[in-house]
Each structure stands twice: as C-alpha cells, then as structure tokens.
C-alpha cells in the first residue's frame, strides 16, 4: 500500500507519449519554489479554499478545528483529525482531503484504462510527487506490475532516494526524469534544504549503468539561472552527453503559491511565472556553451 494525492490521465509532459501520472505524497526536499506543496508531507492534509467558501457554516458543528469569527472561518489545523466530514458537507468544494491510501493493483486498474493510448503513442505511467523513492517498495511494485502488462514506467525524481531503489528501478527498465536543481552543493542546500551529494551520486550511478535518463532542469528566474549556475550545468551535461537521452529546461510557474496558501503553508517564493524573455535567454545561454536543450511548455 502507498499514499498518493492524485492520479491524472492524458498527461503529455511527464515523459513520452500519452501518460497517466501518479502523484506520491512525501518529499525529502523543501524547494523554495515547490510546484506541488500538497506532496511535501507523507501525511494526509486538508486544503481549504477561502475564495470558494460561502461561510454557510455546514462544516462547523462537526469540526473541532473550525469556527467562524468576525465573518471568517478560523481553521486550527493542529486540531484536525482528517475525518473528511468537512469535504463531504461542503456544497462549494472549498474543502479537500489531500491524500489517500491505495494499493499498486488499484493504481494499475486506473492506469490500464488507457493502455491502448500508451501503445499508439509510446506512452505509459509516470510516478511523480512528492518523491516516489520515499515509498520505494510501493513504487517498485507498480513498476513491476506495469511491466508484466507491457506498460513502461517513468519516474520523476529529485534523486534523494536510497541507491537500492534506483538499482532495482533500472533493472526493471524504468525511465528516469531526473532533476538537477543546482550543481553547487551549498547553494543547493540553501534552495532545497539538503545537499546534492546523494543526488549527483545516484545520477552518476544511473549514467554509468546505461539507464534511460532524461535530465530535467527546473529554471527559476534570479534564483538558479546565474551564469555560474548555467556554466556548471553545461559542464556536467557536456561530460555526460553520450549517456543522457536529452536535457529539458522546466520554466518556473507559480501554480504552487495558491496551493500552498490553501494548505496553510507559508509562501516562501511568490515570484511571477518565467517570461518568454527568460526562456529565450536560457536556451541561448546553453546553446552558446555548446549544449542543446529542449524547452518544456
């Protein structure tokens, strides 16, 4: 069994072809620009959207964590028991329970509804998050069962999992959509809360073993796109050009900001989306250094 927060069908940007993306809960990093803050904690959480709330009060009598004070709902998350009654009673979808426990068979049953599309498009299943390696046994079980069904699996990973996970996933033929957020270890710690030592070690292992690796480069304007950042990335990509399928720039978008607010989390990073000018500058910077990259939409 594992804990996920979404299964999204008909995805086009999480690997090859048409895909079903499974979002795992739990992540070891705390990137200041996180796009999926609902996946950070491995525990259940409740999303409360104040804009949708009409102050009808239907949830108040059954909820020990809420009260209406001066025309506003006060939600004390420390008292929430995740009973899910608030989501069932709400008429406006202002409340949402984030996370559910599922089996690998349940995930496969949902994903295999689109098996015909995987075959015609070269797609498959993508494990995302959060971070799939934090639920290693669950992720590997999905990969193995999908393989038996003739469906390929890609893993979106920050690279912080145990080496054993990457070894087994490689043996099962998984594709790795592998993030490099910053090459400098101390700068990486400032931006994500952890050094990149294990990340780069696991990546070098996968490349040395001939794994199918696509490098993903989250680009955040003014944060990790300095000349020295791009220089370091280009050196690594050039050194491993023959072993990487391709590298893809992932421009920052601010979708995570509103999601963090609904989860009661502090907004650490609230910059605007990357502009077309940012994207052109990044692509040019890599090309000037002799490195070809794709640009994600």
C-alpha atoms as a PDB file:
ATOM      1  CA  UNK A   1       0.000   0.000   0.000  1.00  0.00           C
ATOM      2  CA  UNK A   2       1.051   3.578  -0.611  1.00  0.00           C
ATOM      3  CA  UNK A   3      -0.190   7.129  -0.154  1.00  0.00           C
ATOM      4  CA  UNK A   4      -0.889   9.281  -3.218  1.00  0.00           C
ATOM      5  CA  UNK A   5      -2.694  12.558  -3.775  1.00  0.00           C
ATOM      6  CA  UNK A   6      -3.760  12.293  -7.395  1.00  0.00           C
ATOM      7  CA  UNK A   7      -3.896  10.128 -10.497  1.00  0.00           C
ATOM      8  CA  UNK A   8      -4.016  12.272 -13.614  1.00  0.00           C
ATOM      9  CA  UNK A   9      -4.816  10.768 -17.007  1.00  0.00           C
ATOM     10  CA  UNK A  10      -3.926  12.041 -20.502  1.00  0.00           C
ATOM     11  CA  UNK A  11      -0.708  13.800 -19.458  1.00  0.00           C
ATOM     12  CA  UNK A  12       1.573  14.944 -22.273  1.00  0.00           C
ATOM     13  CA  UNK A  13       4.550  16.489 -20.457  1.00  0.00           C
ATOM     14  CA  UNK A  14       5.617  13.775 -17.996  1.00  0.00           C
ATOM     15  CA  UNK A  15       7.551  11.565 -20.382  1.00  0.00           C
ATOM     16  CA  UNK A  16       6.974  10.078 -23.822  1.00  0.00           C
ATOM     17  CA  UNK A  17       3.525   9.922 -25.412  1.00  0.00           C
ATOM     18  CA  UNK A  18       0.208   9.930 -23.576  1.00  0.00           C
ATOM     19  CA  UNK A  19       0.671   9.105 -19.917  1.00  0.00           C
ATOM     20  CA  UNK A  20      -1.084   8.537 -16.613  1.00  0.00           C
ATOM     21  CA  UNK A  21       0.746  10.335 -13.825  1.00  0.00           C
ATOM     22  CA  UNK A  22       0.559   9.073 -10.244  1.00  0.00           C
ATOM     23  CA  UNK A  23       1.429  11.674  -7.617  1.00  0.00           C
ATOM     24  CA  UNK A  24       3.052  10.269  -4.465  1.00  0.00           C
ATOM     25  CA  UNK A  25       2.909  12.034  -1.103  1.00  0.00           C
ATOM     26  CA  UNK A  26       6.138  12.761   0.722  1.00  0.00           C
ATOM     27  CA  UNK A  27       9.316  14.565  -0.349  1.00  0.00           C
ATOM     28  CA  UNK A  28      12.740  14.901   1.350  1.00  0.00           C
ATOM     29  CA  UNK A  29      13.413  18.347  -0.162  1.00  0.00           C
ATOM     30  CA  UNK A  30      11.869  21.725   0.605  1.00  0.00           C
ATOM     31  CA  UNK A  31      12.481  23.673  -2.589  1.00  0.00           C
ATOM     32  CA  UNK A  32      11.507  27.306  -2.122  1.00  0.00           C
ATOM     33  CA  UNK A  33       9.677  27.254  -5.482  1.00  0.00           C
ATOM     34  CA  UNK A  34       7.817  23.945  -4.977  1.00  0.00           C
ATOM     35  CA  UNK A  35       5.096  23.389  -7.590  1.00  0.00           C
ATOM     36  CA  UNK A  36       3.327  20.627  -5.658  1.00  0.00           C
ATOM     37  CA  UNK A  37       3.318  21.589  -1.955  1.00  0.00           C
ATOM     38  CA  UNK A  38       0.476  19.130  -1.355  1.00  0.00           C
ATOM     39  CA  UNK A  39       3.031  16.387  -1.965  1.00  0.00           C
ATOM     40  CA  UNK A  40       5.609  17.525   0.588  1.00  0.00           C
ATOM     41  CA  UNK A  41       4.191  15.730   3.623  1.00  0.00           C
ATOM     42  CA  UNK A  42       3.665  11.985   3.622  1.00  0.00           C
ATOM     43  CA  UNK A  43       0.667  12.532   5.908  1.00  0.00           C
ATOM     44  CA  UNK A  44      -2.896  13.438   4.969  1.00  0.00           C
ATOM     45  CA  UNK A  45      -3.653  17.154   4.720  1.00  0.00           C
ATOM     46  CA  UNK A  46      -6.703  19.367   4.173  1.00  0.00           C
ATOM     47  CA  UNK A  47      -6.885  22.067   1.524  1.00  0.00           C
ATOM     48  CA  UNK A  48      -9.201  24.977   2.386  1.00  0.00           C
ATOM     49  CA  UNK A  49     -10.033  27.453  -0.392  1.00  0.00           C
ATOM     50  CA  UNK A  50     -11.288  30.706   1.161  1.00  0.00           C
ATOM     51  CA  UNK A  51     -12.384  32.028  -2.221  1.00  0.00           C
ATOM     52  CA  UNK A  52     -14.859  29.171  -2.641  1.00  0.00           C
ATOM     53  CA  UNK A  53     -16.122  29.274   0.960  1.00  0.00           C
ATOM     54  CA  UNK A  54     -19.522  30.990   1.367  1.00  0.00           C
ATOM     55  CA  UNK A  55     -19.489  30.851   5.193  1.00  0.00           C
ATOM     56  CA  UNK A  56     -22.565  28.626   5.148  1.00  0.00           C
ATOM     57  CA  UNK A  57     -21.400  27.005   8.389  1.00  0.00           C
ATOM     58  CA  UNK A  58     -22.380  23.448   7.427  1.00  0.00           C
ATOM     59  CA  UNK A  59     -18.960  22.108   8.437  1.00  0.00           C
ATOM     60  CA  UNK A  60     -18.728  23.933  11.782  1.00  0.00           C
ATOM     61  CA  UNK A  61     -20.901  21.688  14.039  1.00  0.00           C
ATOM     62  CA  UNK A  62     -18.977  18.548  13.067  1.00  0.00           C
ATOM     63  CA  UNK A  63     -15.463  20.029  13.054  1.00  0.00           C
ATOM     64  CA  UNK A  64     -13.446  20.606  16.225  1.00  0.00           C
ATOM     65  CA  UNK A  65     -10.810  22.509  14.230  1.00  0.00           C
ATOM     66  CA  UNK A  66     -13.017  25.291  12.836  1.00  0.00           C
ATOM     67  CA  UNK A  67     -15.053  28.235  13.998  1.00  0.00           C
ATOM     68  CA  UNK A  68     -16.429  31.369  12.416  1.00  0.00           C
ATOM     69  CA  UNK A  69     -15.045  34.557  13.933  1.00  0.00           C
ATOM     70  CA  UNK A  70     -15.874  38.050  12.634  1.00  0.00           C
ATOM     71  CA  UNK A  71     -17.201  36.713   9.360  1.00  0.00           C
ATOM     72  CA  UNK A  72     -14.261  34.406   8.616  1.00  0.00           C
ATOM     73  CA  UNK A  73     -13.554  30.710   9.126  1.00  0.00           C
ATOM     74  CA  UNK A  74     -10.677  30.121  11.536  1.00  0.00           C
ATOM     75  CA  UNK A  75      -9.101  26.759  10.811  1.00  0.00           C
ATOM     76  CA  UNK A  76      -6.780  25.400  13.514  1.00  0.00           C
ATOM     77  CA  UNK A  77      -5.000  22.670  11.561  1.00  0.00           C
ATOM     78  CA  UNK A  78      -3.325  21.305  14.704  1.00  0.00           C
ATOM     79  CA  UNK A  79      -6.753  20.057  15.826  1.00  0.00           C
ATOM     80  CA  UNK A  80      -7.762  18.483  12.502  1.00  0.00           C
ATOM     81  CA  UNK A  81      -8.410  14.724  12.727  1.00  0.00           C
ATOM     82  CA  UNK A  82      -8.775  14.230   8.941  1.00  0.00           C
ATOM     83  CA  UNK A  83     -12.238  12.778   9.418  1.00  0.00           C
ATOM     84  CA  UNK A  84     -13.175  14.086   5.945  1.00  0.00           C
ATOM     85  CA  UNK A  85     -16.592  15.328   7.113  1.00  0.00           C
ATOM     86  CA  UNK A  86     -15.831  18.897   6.036  1.00  0.00           C
ATOM     87  CA  UNK A  87     -15.287  17.798   2.433  1.00  0.00           C
ATOM     88  CA  UNK A  88     -18.471  15.726   2.424  1.00  0.00           C
ATOM     89  CA  UNK A  89     -20.609  18.545   3.847  1.00  0.00           C
ATOM     90  CA  UNK A  90     -19.214  21.405   1.773  1.00  0.00           C
ATOM     91  CA  UNK A  91     -21.513  22.448  -1.071  1.00  0.00           C
ATOM     92  CA  UNK A  92     -18.862  24.522  -2.851  1.00  0.00           C
ATOM     93  CA  UNK A  93     -15.795  22.246  -2.881  1.00  0.00           C
ATOM     94  CA  UNK A  94     -13.933  24.647  -0.596  1.00  0.00           C
ATOM     95  CA  UNK A  95     -12.528  21.738   1.411  1.00  0.00           C
ATOM     96  CA  UNK A  96     -10.471  18.889   0.000  1.00  0.00           C
ATOM     97  CA  UNK A  97      -8.756  15.995   1.743  1.00  0.00           C
ATOM     98  CA  UNK A  98      -5.320  15.576   0.191  1.00  0.00           C
ATOM     99  CA  UNK A  99      -4.016  12.023   0.170  1.00  0.00           C
ATOM    100  CA  UNK A 100      -5.421   8.514   0.149  1.00  0.00           C
ATOM    101  CA  UNK A 101      -4.031   5.061   0.730  1.00  0.00           C
ATOM    102  CA  UNK A 102      -4.158   2.802  -2.309  1.00  0.00           C
ATOM    103  CA  UNK A 103      -2.687  -0.478  -3.466  1.00  0.00           C
ATOM    104  CA  UNK A 104      -0.499  -0.990  -6.517  1.00  0.00           C
ATOM    105  CA  UNK A 105      -3.340  -3.004  -8.053  1.00  0.00           C
ATOM    106  CA  UNK A 106      -5.708  -0.055  -7.657  1.00  0.00           C
ATOM    107  CA  UNK A 107      -3.213   2.252  -9.352  1.00  0.00           C
ATOM    108  CA  UNK A 108      -2.753  -0.226 -12.218  1.00  0.00           C
ATOM    109  CA  UNK A 109      -6.512  -0.677 -12.636  1.00  0.00           C
ATOM    110  CA  UNK A 110      -6.905   3.065 -13.187  1.00  0.00           C
ATOM    111  CA  UNK A 111      -3.841   3.424 -15.389  1.00  0.00           C
ATOM    112  CA  UNK A 112      -4.630   0.444 -17.621  1.00  0.00           C
ATOM    113  CA  UNK A 113      -7.887   2.083 -18.720  1.00  0.00           C
ATOM    114  CA  UNK A 114      -5.709   3.947 -21.216  1.00  0.00           C
ATOM    115  CA  UNK A 115      -3.431   1.094 -22.254  1.00  0.00           C
ATOM    116  CA  UNK A 116      -4.442   1.446 -25.892  1.00  0.00           C
ATOM    117  CA  UNK A 117      -3.280   5.066 -25.884  1.00  0.00           C
ATOM    118  CA  UNK A 118       0.081   4.070 -24.416  1.00  0.00           C
ATOM    119  CA  UNK A 119       0.610   1.586 -27.246  1.00  0.00           C
ATOM    120  CA  UNK A 120      -0.315   4.009 -30.033  1.00  0.00           C
ATOM    121  CA  UNK A 121       1.619   6.986 -28.618  1.00  0.00           C
ATOM    122  CA  UNK A 122       4.595   5.326 -26.953  1.00  0.00           C
ATOM    123  CA  UNK A 123       3.336   6.473 -23.551  1.00  0.00           C
ATOM    124  CA  UNK A 124       2.887   4.788 -20.204  1.00  0.00           C
ATOM    125  CA  UNK A 125       2.754   5.512 -16.494  1.00  0.00           C
ATOM    126  CA  UNK A 126       4.744   8.232 -14.730  1.00  0.00           C
ATOM    127  CA  UNK A 127       5.400   8.171 -10.999  1.00  0.00           C
ATOM    128  CA  UNK A 128       5.675  11.706  -9.676  1.00  0.00           C
ATOM    129  CA  UNK A 129       5.075  13.550  -6.450  1.00  0.00           C
ATOM    130  CA  UNK A 130       6.269  14.391  -3.985  1.00  0.00           C
ATOM    131  CA  UNK A 131       9.067  11.882  -4.476  1.00  0.00           C
ATOM    132  CA  UNK A 132       8.403   8.247  -5.492  1.00  0.00           C
ATOM    133  CA  UNK A 133      11.626   6.954  -3.928  1.00  0.00           C
ATOM    134  CA  UNK A 134      10.253   7.826  -0.467  1.00  0.00           C
ATOM    135  CA  UNK A 135       7.758   4.990  -0.966  1.00  0.00           C
ATOM    136  CA  UNK A 136      10.267   2.730  -2.644  1.00  0.00           C
ATOM    137  CA  UNK A 137       8.547  -0.656  -2.228  1.00  0.00           C
ATOM    138  CA  UNK A 138       5.211   0.726  -3.421  1.00  0.00           C
ATOM    139  CA  UNK A 139       6.799   2.403  -6.447  1.00  0.00           C
ATOM    140  CA  UNK A 140       8.752  -0.715  -7.409  1.00  0.00           C
ATOM    141  CA  UNK A 141       5.640  -2.857  -7.117  1.00  0.00           C
ATOM    142  CA  UNK A 142       3.818  -0.574  -9.574  1.00  0.00           C
ATOM    143  CA  UNK A 143       6.767  -0.678 -11.981  1.00  0.00           C
ATOM    144  CA  UNK A 144       6.986  -4.472 -11.857  1.00  0.00           C
ATOM    145  CA  UNK A 145       3.243  -5.000 -12.342  1.00  0.00           C
ATOM    146  CA  UNK A 146       3.116  -2.466 -15.167  1.00  0.00           C
ATOM    147  CA  UNK A 147       5.996  -4.265 -16.849  1.00  0.00           C
ATOM    148  CA  UNK A 148       4.016  -7.513 -16.725  1.00  0.00           C
ATOM    149  CA  UNK A 149       1.233  -5.676 -18.556  1.00  0.00           C
ATOM    150  CA  UNK A 150       3.637  -4.409 -21.209  1.00  0.00           C
ATOM    151  CA  UNK A 151       3.436  -0.813 -19.966  1.00  0.00           C
ATOM    152  CA  UNK A 152       6.553   1.270 -19.418  1.00  0.00           C
ATOM    153  CA  UNK A 153       7.056   3.461 -16.355  1.00  0.00           C
ATOM    154  CA  UNK A 154       8.923   6.735 -15.944  1.00  0.00           C
ATOM    155  CA  UNK A 155       9.968   8.107 -12.566  1.00  0.00           C
ATOM    156  CA  UNK A 156      10.128  11.827 -11.875  1.00  0.00           C
ATOM    157  CA  UNK A 157      12.751  12.009  -9.161  1.00  0.00           C
ATOM    158  CA  UNK A 158      14.836  14.503  -7.229  1.00  0.00           C
ATOM    159  CA  UNK A 159      17.431  11.764  -6.779  1.00  0.00           C
ATOM    160  CA  UNK A 160      17.394  11.697  -2.963  1.00  0.00           C
ATOM    161  CA  UNK A 161      16.292   8.087  -2.595  1.00  0.00           C
ATOM    162  CA  UNK A 162      18.430   5.166  -1.468  1.00  0.00           C
ATOM    163  CA  UNK A 163      20.759   3.673  -4.105  1.00  0.00           C
ATOM    164  CA  UNK A 164      18.931   0.346  -3.866  1.00  0.00           C
ATOM    165  CA  UNK A 165      15.755   1.937  -5.205  1.00  0.00           C
ATOM    166  CA  UNK A 166      17.492   3.253  -8.326  1.00  0.00           C
ATOM    167  CA  UNK A 167      19.270  -0.048  -8.860  1.00  0.00           C
ATOM    168  CA  UNK A 168      16.023  -2.019  -8.808  1.00  0.00           C
ATOM    169  CA  UNK A 169      14.096   0.517 -10.878  1.00  0.00           C
ATOM    170  CA  UNK A 170      16.845   0.461 -13.525  1.00  0.00           C
ATOM    171  CA  UNK A 171      16.774  -3.342 -13.615  1.00  0.00           C
ATOM    172  CA  UNK A 172      13.015  -3.164 -14.226  1.00  0.00           C
ATOM    173  CA  UNK A 173      13.572  -0.861 -17.208  1.00  0.00           C
ATOM    174  CA  UNK A 174      12.241   2.384 -15.789  1.00  0.00           C
ATOM    175  CA  UNK A 175      12.961   5.709 -17.441  1.00  0.00           C
ATOM    176  CA  UNK A 176      14.285   8.392 -15.093  1.00  0.00           C
ATOM    177  CA  UNK A 177      13.117  12.005 -15.393  1.00  0.00           C
ATOM    178  CA  UNK A 178      15.918  13.255 -13.184  1.00  0.00           C
ATOM    179  CA  UNK A 179      16.004  16.755 -11.691  1.00  0.00           C
ATOM    180  CA  UNK A 180      19.147  18.816 -11.339  1.00  0.00           C
ATOM    181  CA  UNK A 181      18.178  21.954  -9.469  1.00  0.00           C
ATOM    182  CA  UNK A 182      21.667  23.336  -8.811  1.00  0.00           C
ATOM    183  CA  UNK A 183      25.179  21.928  -9.133  1.00  0.00           C
ATOM    184  CA  UNK A 184      26.749  23.781  -6.210  1.00  0.00           C
ATOM    185  CA  UNK A 185      26.153  21.746  -3.002  1.00  0.00           C
ATOM    186  CA  UNK A 186      25.911  24.678  -0.601  1.00  0.00           C
ATOM    187  CA  UNK A 187      23.690  26.703  -2.897  1.00  0.00           C
ATOM    188  CA  UNK A 188      21.569  23.579  -3.367  1.00  0.00           C
ATOM    189  CA  UNK A 189      21.201  23.319   0.407  1.00  0.00           C
ATOM    190  CA  UNK A 190      20.073  26.957   0.620  1.00  0.00           C
ATOM    191  CA  UNK A 191      17.424  26.446  -2.047  1.00  0.00           C
ATOM    192  CA  UNK A 192      16.152  22.976  -1.150  1.00  0.00           C
ATOM    193  CA  UNK A 193      17.167  22.250   2.435  1.00  0.00           C
ATOM    194  CA  UNK A 194      19.641  19.495   1.507  1.00  0.00           C
ATOM    195  CA  UNK A 195      22.982  18.992  -0.196  1.00  0.00           C
ATOM    196  CA  UNK A 196      23.025  17.496  -3.687  1.00  0.00           C
ATOM    197  CA  UNK A 197      25.763  14.965  -2.882  1.00  0.00           C
ATOM    198  CA  UNK A 198      23.457  11.942  -2.872  1.00  0.00           C
ATOM    199  CA  UNK A 199      21.525  13.286  -5.873  1.00  0.00           C
ATOM    200  CA  UNK A 200      24.624  13.527  -8.054  1.00  0.00           C
ATOM    201  CA  UNK A 201      25.976  10.208  -6.772  1.00  0.00           C
ATOM    202  CA  UNK A 202      22.770   8.376  -7.723  1.00  0.00           C
ATOM    203  CA  UNK A 203      22.697  10.125 -11.083  1.00  0.00           C
ATOM    204  CA  UNK A 204      26.282   9.188 -11.901  1.00  0.00           C
ATOM    205  CA  UNK A 205      25.478   5.590 -10.981  1.00  0.00           C
ATOM    206  CA  UNK A 206      22.494   5.502 -13.354  1.00  0.00           C
ATOM    207  CA  UNK A 207      24.504   7.036 -16.175  1.00  0.00           C
ATOM    208  CA  UNK A 208      27.383   4.611 -15.638  1.00  0.00           C
ATOM    209  CA  UNK A 209      24.960   1.670 -15.866  1.00  0.00           C
ATOM    210  CA  UNK A 210      23.352   2.844 -19.104  1.00  0.00           C
ATOM    211  CA  UNK A 211      19.960   3.707 -17.618  1.00  0.00           C
ATOM    212  CA  UNK A 212      17.462   5.660 -19.721  1.00  0.00           C
ATOM    213  CA  UNK A 213      17.866   9.142 -18.230  1.00  0.00           C
ATOM    214  CA  UNK A 214      16.261  12.436 -19.207  1.00  0.00           C
ATOM    215  CA  UNK A 215      17.703  15.368 -17.281  1.00  0.00           C
ATOM    216  CA  UNK A 216      15.203  17.975 -16.142  1.00  0.00           C
ATOM    217  CA  UNK A 217      16.420  21.434 -15.210  1.00  0.00           C
ATOM    218  CA  UNK A 218      13.940  23.490 -13.150  1.00  0.00           C
ATOM    219  CA  UNK A 219      14.779  27.101 -14.011  1.00  0.00           C
ATOM    220  CA  UNK A 220      13.713  29.843 -11.602  1.00  0.00           C
ATOM    221  CA  UNK A 221      14.441  33.433 -12.679  1.00  0.00           C
ATOM    222  CA  UNK A 222      17.026  35.111 -10.478  1.00  0.00           C
ATOM    223  CA  UNK A 223      17.423  32.028  -8.270  1.00  0.00           C
ATOM    224  CA  UNK A 224      19.300  29.251 -10.063  1.00  0.00           C
ATOM    225  CA  UNK A 225      19.903  30.781 -13.513  1.00  0.00           C
ATOM    226  CA  UNK A 226      23.069  32.780 -12.826  1.00  0.00           C
ATOM    227  CA  UNK A 227      25.962  32.482 -15.270  1.00  0.00           C
ATOM    228  CA  UNK A 228      27.885  30.296 -12.817  1.00  0.00           C
ATOM    229  CA  UNK A 229      24.848  28.022 -12.406  1.00  0.00           C
ATOM    230  CA  UNK A 230      24.486  27.550 -16.154  1.00  0.00           C
ATOM    231  CA  UNK A 231      28.242  27.092 -16.587  1.00  0.00           C
ATOM    232  CA  UNK A 232      28.231  24.238 -14.051  1.00  0.00           C
ATOM    233  CA  UNK A 233      25.193  22.589 -15.610  1.00  0.00           C
ATOM    234  CA  UNK A 234      26.724  22.780 -19.084  1.00  0.00           C
ATOM    235  CA  UNK A 235      29.978  21.212 -17.904  1.00  0.00           C
ATOM    236  CA  UNK A 236      28.084  18.279 -16.413  1.00  0.00           C
ATOM    237  CA  UNK A 237      25.839  17.841 -19.448  1.00  0.00           C
ATOM    238  CA  UNK A 238      28.788  18.028 -21.850  1.00  0.00           C
ATOM    239  CA  UNK A 239      30.746  15.444 -19.860  1.00  0.00           C
ATOM    240  CA  UNK A 240      27.786  13.045 -19.952  1.00  0.00           C
ATOM    241  CA  UNK A 241      26.337  13.891 -23.355  1.00  0.00           C
ATOM    242  CA  UNK A 242      26.625  10.332 -24.668  1.00  0.00           C
ATOM    243  CA  UNK A 243      24.816   8.859 -21.654  1.00  0.00           C
ATOM    244  CA  UNK A 244      21.876  11.275 -21.377  1.00  0.00           C
ATOM    245  CA  UNK A 245      18.921  10.965 -23.741  1.00  0.00           C
ATOM    246  CA  UNK A 246      18.376  14.737 -23.582  1.00  0.00           C
ATOM    247  CA  UNK A 247      18.124  17.647 -21.142  1.00  0.00           C
ATOM    248  CA  UNK A 248      14.936  19.662 -20.728  1.00  0.00           C
ATOM    249  CA  UNK A 249      14.502  23.144 -19.258  1.00  0.00           C
ATOM    250  CA  UNK A 250      11.500  23.386 -16.905  1.00  0.00           C
ATOM    251  CA  UNK A 251      10.497  27.085 -16.579  1.00  0.00           C
ATOM    252  CA  UNK A 252       9.090  28.187 -13.232  1.00  0.00           C
ATOM    253  CA  UNK A 253       5.346  28.684 -12.893  1.00  0.00           C
ATOM    254  CA  UNK A 254       3.585  29.966  -9.791  1.00  0.00           C
ATOM    255  CA  UNK A 255       0.853  27.316  -9.542  1.00  0.00           C
ATOM    256  CA  UNK A 256       2.264  26.167  -6.218  1.00  0.00           C
ATOM    257  CA  UNK A 257       1.710  29.514  -4.499  1.00  0.00           C
ATOM    258  CA  UNK A 258      -2.086  29.331  -4.295  1.00  0.00           C
ATOM    259  CA  UNK A 259      -1.931  25.637  -3.406  1.00  0.00           C
ATOM    260  CA  UNK A 260       0.400  26.419  -0.507  1.00  0.00           C
ATOM    261  CA  UNK A 261      -1.998  29.076   0.762  1.00  0.00           C
ATOM    262  CA  UNK A 262      -4.887  26.612   0.740  1.00  0.00           C
ATOM    263  CA  UNK A 263      -2.752  24.186   2.770  1.00  0.00           C
ATOM    264  CA  UNK A 264      -1.967  26.840   5.372  1.00  0.00           C
ATOM    265  CA  UNK A 265       1.714  26.891   4.426  1.00  0.00           C
ATOM    266  CA  UNK A 266       3.919  29.956   4.377  1.00  0.00           C
ATOM    267  CA  UNK A 267       4.639  31.191   0.871  1.00  0.00           C
ATOM    268  CA  UNK A 268       8.415  31.159   0.653  1.00  0.00           C
ATOM    269  CA  UNK A 269       8.624  32.014  -3.021  1.00  0.00           C
ATOM    270  CA  UNK A 270       5.996  34.099  -4.799  1.00  0.00           C
ATOM    271  CA  UNK A 271       7.651  35.344  -7.974  1.00  0.00           C
ATOM    272  CA  UNK A 272       5.782  35.570 -11.279  1.00  0.00           C
ATOM    273  CA  UNK A 273       5.952  32.880 -13.924  1.00  0.00           C
ATOM    274  CA  UNK A 274       9.036  32.707 -16.123  1.00  0.00           C
ATOM    275  CA  UNK A 275       8.587  35.049 -19.079  1.00  0.00           C
ATOM    276  CA  UNK A 276       9.195  34.353 -22.770  1.00  0.00           C
ATOM    277  CA  UNK A 277      12.293  36.532 -22.399  1.00  0.00           C
ATOM    278  CA  UNK A 278      13.587  34.326 -19.578  1.00  0.00           C
ATOM    279  CA  UNK A 279      13.067  31.222 -21.679  1.00  0.00           C
ATOM    280  CA  UNK A 280      14.826  32.688 -24.733  1.00  0.00           C
ATOM    281  CA  UNK A 281      17.746  33.807 -22.570  1.00  0.00           C
ATOM    282  CA  UNK A 282      18.140  30.352 -21.019  1.00  0.00           C
ATOM    283  CA  UNK A 283      18.061  28.488 -24.324  1.00  0.00           C
ATOM    284  CA  UNK A 284      20.569  30.919 -25.826  1.00  0.00           C
ATOM    285  CA  UNK A 285      22.864  30.607 -22.808  1.00  0.00           C
ATOM    286  CA  UNK A 286      23.008  26.818 -23.154  1.00  0.00           C
ATOM    287  CA  UNK A 287      23.496  26.956 -26.920  1.00  0.00           C
ATOM    288  CA  UNK A 288      26.310  29.493 -26.550  1.00  0.00           C
ATOM    289  CA  UNK A 289      28.066  26.952 -24.343  1.00  0.00           C
ATOM    290  CA  UNK A 290      27.586  24.216 -26.922  1.00  0.00           C
ATOM    291  CA  UNK A 291      24.759  22.370 -25.135  1.00  0.00           C
ATOM    292  CA  UNK A 292      21.435  21.578 -26.806  1.00  0.00           C
ATOM    293  CA  UNK A 293      18.398  21.561 -24.536  1.00  0.00           C
ATOM    294  CA  UNK A 294      14.676  21.149 -25.012  1.00  0.00           C
ATOM    295  CA  UNK A 295      12.254  23.675 -23.570  1.00  0.00           C
ATOM    296  CA  UNK A 296       9.213  22.368 -21.712  1.00  0.00           C
ATOM    297  CA  UNK A 297       5.950  24.206 -22.274  1.00  0.00           C
END
